[in-house]
Each structure stands twice: as C-alpha cells, then as structure tokens.
C-alpha cells in the first residue's frame, strides 16, 4: 500500500493483517517504482492524492514499465467512485476501492480481486 498518511497505512495494515493479508507500506510518492520493483507485490493499493507525484502519474509510470505493468494497481482513495472510475480509465489502473473504513467491504473487494490470481 502506498499512501502519504502514516495513520491510514497503520489502520489498513492492522485491519488487513487480521484477515490474513500481508501488507507492505510505503509513505512517499517519490520512489514508488523502486519500492514495487524491490518487493514484487501481488497488487498495489495506491492513494490518489499525494504530494509531488499523484497516484494517477504513479500508476502511469508503473503501467508503462515492462517490469511492473502486470502488477494490478488499485486506487484506494476517499474520492467519489465516479472520479476514481474516470482515473482508472485514463491511466490504466486495474480498479479502485473507496476508502470508507469499512474493513469487511475492503476485505471483500480485495478477495474478489486477489483470489482469481492465487495458484
């Protein structure tokens, strides 16, 4: 998960760990590509509103790099769903999840996305 809010990272990490997910976190927008290359995650939860390099630009970089383009990128933001859908379409992200601190909804959406990829 990449988000400039340490509080959001900690909350989400704790919530997902309780449901069996391992969540690596990164709290800066600069260096996202190196972080993703170093860890080869199953997917990237990416905040949209970050300083220096917003989520849309970061997603564009990840999707245009042959080494990271096949890693699913999901926007994870409190923006309205309509806006997130527009961003997904414009930069090639694989989907979005609206931040609303409903742990069960987050887990359900992640399970739906991750489960088909599991061996």
C-alpha atoms as a PDB file:
ATOM      1  CA  UNK A   1       0.000   0.000   0.000  1.00  0.00           C
ATOM      2  CA  UNK A   2       1.280   3.425  -0.943  1.00  0.00           C
ATOM      3  CA  UNK A   3      -0.185   6.391   0.908  1.00  0.00           C
ATOM      4  CA  UNK A   4       1.293   9.589   2.317  1.00  0.00           C
ATOM      5  CA  UNK A   5      -0.786   9.218   5.513  1.00  0.00           C
ATOM      6  CA  UNK A   6       1.010   7.145   8.138  1.00  0.00           C
ATOM      7  CA  UNK A   7      -2.259   6.882  10.063  1.00  0.00           C
ATOM      8  CA  UNK A   8      -4.050   5.428   7.034  1.00  0.00           C
ATOM      9  CA  UNK A   9      -1.196   2.998   6.407  1.00  0.00           C
ATOM     10  CA  UNK A  10      -1.222   1.752  10.012  1.00  0.00           C
ATOM     11  CA  UNK A  11      -5.011   1.403  10.139  1.00  0.00           C
ATOM     12  CA  UNK A  12      -5.196  -0.505   6.865  1.00  0.00           C
ATOM     13  CA  UNK A  13      -2.215  -2.696   7.700  1.00  0.00           C
ATOM     14  CA  UNK A  14      -3.722  -3.755  11.036  1.00  0.00           C
ATOM     15  CA  UNK A  15      -7.149  -4.316   9.520  1.00  0.00           C
ATOM     16  CA  UNK A  16      -5.861  -6.468   6.681  1.00  0.00           C
ATOM     17  CA  UNK A  17      -3.439  -8.463   8.831  1.00  0.00           C
ATOM     18  CA  UNK A  18      -6.413  -9.591  10.917  1.00  0.00           C
ATOM     19  CA  UNK A  19      -7.836 -11.074   7.712  1.00  0.00           C
ATOM     20  CA  UNK A  20      -4.646 -12.871   6.651  1.00  0.00           C
ATOM     21  CA  UNK A  21      -3.173 -10.299   4.299  1.00  0.00           C
ATOM     22  CA  UNK A  22       0.458  -9.257   4.416  1.00  0.00           C
ATOM     23  CA  UNK A  23       0.635  -5.541   3.701  1.00  0.00           C
ATOM     24  CA  UNK A  24       3.871  -3.755   2.917  1.00  0.00           C
ATOM     25  CA  UNK A  25       3.612   0.008   3.204  1.00  0.00           C
ATOM     26  CA  UNK A  26       5.343   2.972   1.627  1.00  0.00           C
ATOM     27  CA  UNK A  27       4.559   6.550   2.658  1.00  0.00           C
ATOM     28  CA  UNK A  28       6.033   8.621  -0.164  1.00  0.00           C
ATOM     29  CA  UNK A  29       5.093   9.185  -3.760  1.00  0.00           C
ATOM     30  CA  UNK A  30       8.697   9.549  -4.897  1.00  0.00           C
ATOM     31  CA  UNK A  31      10.349   6.139  -5.156  1.00  0.00           C
ATOM     32  CA  UNK A  32       7.179   4.129  -5.782  1.00  0.00           C
ATOM     33  CA  UNK A  33       8.588   2.334  -8.800  1.00  0.00           C
ATOM     34  CA  UNK A  34      11.740   1.238  -6.938  1.00  0.00           C
ATOM     35  CA  UNK A  35       9.605   0.054  -3.993  1.00  0.00           C
ATOM     36  CA  UNK A  36       7.347  -2.009  -6.264  1.00  0.00           C
ATOM     37  CA  UNK A  37      10.320  -3.449  -8.173  1.00  0.00           C
ATOM     38  CA  UNK A  38      12.066  -4.414  -4.918  1.00  0.00           C
ATOM     39  CA  UNK A  39       9.046  -6.205  -3.442  1.00  0.00           C
ATOM     40  CA  UNK A  40       7.079  -7.555  -6.441  1.00  0.00           C
ATOM     41  CA  UNK A  41       3.720  -7.332  -4.637  1.00  0.00           C
ATOM     42  CA  UNK A  42       0.606  -9.262  -5.680  1.00  0.00           C
ATOM     43  CA  UNK A  43      -1.100  -5.903  -6.110  1.00  0.00           C
ATOM     44  CA  UNK A  44      -0.635  -2.225  -5.306  1.00  0.00           C
ATOM     45  CA  UNK A  45      -3.161  -0.218  -3.293  1.00  0.00           C
ATOM     46  CA  UNK A  46      -2.364   3.323  -4.345  1.00  0.00           C
ATOM     47  CA  UNK A  47      -3.620   6.560  -2.843  1.00  0.00           C
ATOM     48  CA  UNK A  48      -4.534   9.177  -5.447  1.00  0.00           C
ATOM     49  CA  UNK A  49      -3.905  12.422  -3.553  1.00  0.00           C
ATOM     50  CA  UNK A  50      -0.223  12.521  -2.675  1.00  0.00           C
ATOM     51  CA  UNK A  51       2.279  15.359  -2.823  1.00  0.00           C
ATOM     52  CA  UNK A  52       4.960  15.541  -5.531  1.00  0.00           C
ATOM     53  CA  UNK A  53       3.680  12.618  -7.601  1.00  0.00           C
ATOM     54  CA  UNK A  54      -0.045  11.910  -7.547  1.00  0.00           C
ATOM     55  CA  UNK A  55      -1.476   8.417  -7.841  1.00  0.00           C
ATOM     56  CA  UNK A  56      -2.521   8.882 -11.442  1.00  0.00           C
ATOM     57  CA  UNK A  57       1.044   9.728 -12.512  1.00  0.00           C
ATOM     58  CA  UNK A  58       2.493   6.935 -10.353  1.00  0.00           C
ATOM     59  CA  UNK A  59       0.108   4.425 -11.904  1.00  0.00           C
ATOM     60  CA  UNK A  60       1.060   5.616 -15.365  1.00  0.00           C
ATOM     61  CA  UNK A  61       4.744   5.001 -14.577  1.00  0.00           C
ATOM     62  CA  UNK A  62       4.037   1.519 -13.177  1.00  0.00           C
ATOM     63  CA  UNK A  63       1.856   0.504 -16.106  1.00  0.00           C
ATOM     64  CA  UNK A  64       4.390   1.743 -18.669  1.00  0.00           C
ATOM     65  CA  UNK A  65       7.312  -0.163 -17.158  1.00  0.00           C
ATOM     66  CA  UNK A  66       7.675  -3.707 -18.556  1.00  0.00           C
ATOM     67  CA  UNK A  67       8.821  -4.946 -15.135  1.00  0.00           C
ATOM     68  CA  UNK A  68       5.750  -3.667 -13.264  1.00  0.00           C
ATOM     69  CA  UNK A  69       2.956  -3.359 -15.818  1.00  0.00           C
ATOM     70  CA  UNK A  70       1.407  -6.755 -14.973  1.00  0.00           C
ATOM     71  CA  UNK A  71       1.065  -5.969 -11.250  1.00  0.00           C
ATOM     72  CA  UNK A  72      -2.534  -4.916 -10.582  1.00  0.00           C
ATOM     73  CA  UNK A  73      -2.844  -1.319  -9.396  1.00  0.00           C
ATOM     74  CA  UNK A  74      -5.936  -0.354  -7.433  1.00  0.00           C
ATOM     75  CA  UNK A  75      -6.641   3.204  -6.469  1.00  0.00           C
ATOM     76  CA  UNK A  76      -7.516   3.372  -2.769  1.00  0.00           C
ATOM     77  CA  UNK A  77      -8.905   6.812  -2.117  1.00  0.00           C
ATOM     78  CA  UNK A  78     -11.685   8.757  -0.463  1.00  0.00           C
ATOM     79  CA  UNK A  79     -12.538  10.426  -3.778  1.00  0.00           C
ATOM     80  CA  UNK A  80     -16.039   9.726  -5.108  1.00  0.00           C
ATOM     81  CA  UNK A  81     -16.404   6.456  -7.016  1.00  0.00           C
ATOM     82  CA  UNK A  82     -17.255   8.321 -10.240  1.00  0.00           C
ATOM     83  CA  UNK A  83     -13.982  10.270 -10.128  1.00  0.00           C
ATOM     84  CA  UNK A  84     -11.988   7.132  -9.336  1.00  0.00           C
ATOM     85  CA  UNK A  85     -13.600   5.316 -12.265  1.00  0.00           C
ATOM     86  CA  UNK A  86     -12.536   8.170 -14.556  1.00  0.00           C
ATOM     87  CA  UNK A  87      -8.954   7.985 -13.244  1.00  0.00           C
ATOM     88  CA  UNK A  88      -8.864   4.206 -13.702  1.00  0.00           C
ATOM     89  CA  UNK A  89      -9.930   4.608 -17.321  1.00  0.00           C
ATOM     90  CA  UNK A  90      -7.464   7.406 -18.024  1.00  0.00           C
ATOM     91  CA  UNK A  91      -4.289   5.830 -16.650  1.00  0.00           C
ATOM     92  CA  UNK A  92      -4.771   2.082 -16.983  1.00  0.00           C
ATOM     93  CA  UNK A  93      -5.283   1.157 -13.340  1.00  0.00           C
ATOM     94  CA  UNK A  94      -6.986  -2.164 -12.691  1.00  0.00           C
ATOM     95  CA  UNK A  95      -9.732  -0.822 -10.449  1.00  0.00           C
ATOM     96  CA  UNK A  96     -10.425   1.146  -7.315  1.00  0.00           C
ATOM     97  CA  UNK A  97     -11.647   0.851  -3.755  1.00  0.00           C
ATOM     98  CA  UNK A  98     -13.214   3.810  -1.987  1.00  0.00           C
ATOM     99  CA  UNK A  99     -11.742   4.414   1.479  1.00  0.00           C
ATOM    100  CA  UNK A 100     -14.568   4.343   3.961  1.00  0.00           C
ATOM    101  CA  UNK A 101     -13.010   2.377   6.838  1.00  0.00           C
ATOM    102  CA  UNK A 102     -15.418  -0.499   6.371  1.00  0.00           C
ATOM    103  CA  UNK A 103     -12.976  -3.347   6.914  1.00  0.00           C
ATOM    104  CA  UNK A 104     -15.331  -6.048   5.701  1.00  0.00           C
ATOM    105  CA  UNK A 105     -16.042  -4.187   2.444  1.00  0.00           C
ATOM    106  CA  UNK A 106     -12.298  -3.698   1.882  1.00  0.00           C
ATOM    107  CA  UNK A 107     -11.558  -7.377   2.512  1.00  0.00           C
ATOM    108  CA  UNK A 108     -14.442  -8.488   0.287  1.00  0.00           C
ATOM    109  CA  UNK A 109     -13.208  -6.330  -2.586  1.00  0.00           C
ATOM    110  CA  UNK A 110      -9.595  -7.472  -2.162  1.00  0.00           C
ATOM    111  CA  UNK A 111     -10.655 -11.133  -2.024  1.00  0.00           C
ATOM    112  CA  UNK A 112     -12.605 -10.666  -5.234  1.00  0.00           C
ATOM    113  CA  UNK A 113      -9.550  -9.205  -6.959  1.00  0.00           C
ATOM    114  CA  UNK A 114      -6.764 -11.330  -5.466  1.00  0.00           C
ATOM    115  CA  UNK A 115      -8.434 -14.755  -5.298  1.00  0.00           C
ATOM    116  CA  UNK A 116      -8.534 -15.367  -9.081  1.00  0.00           C
ATOM    117  CA  UNK A 117      -4.768 -14.689  -9.176  1.00  0.00           C
ATOM    118  CA  UNK A 118      -3.857 -17.192  -6.468  1.00  0.00           C
ATOM    119  CA  UNK A 119      -2.483 -20.546  -7.690  1.00  0.00           C
END
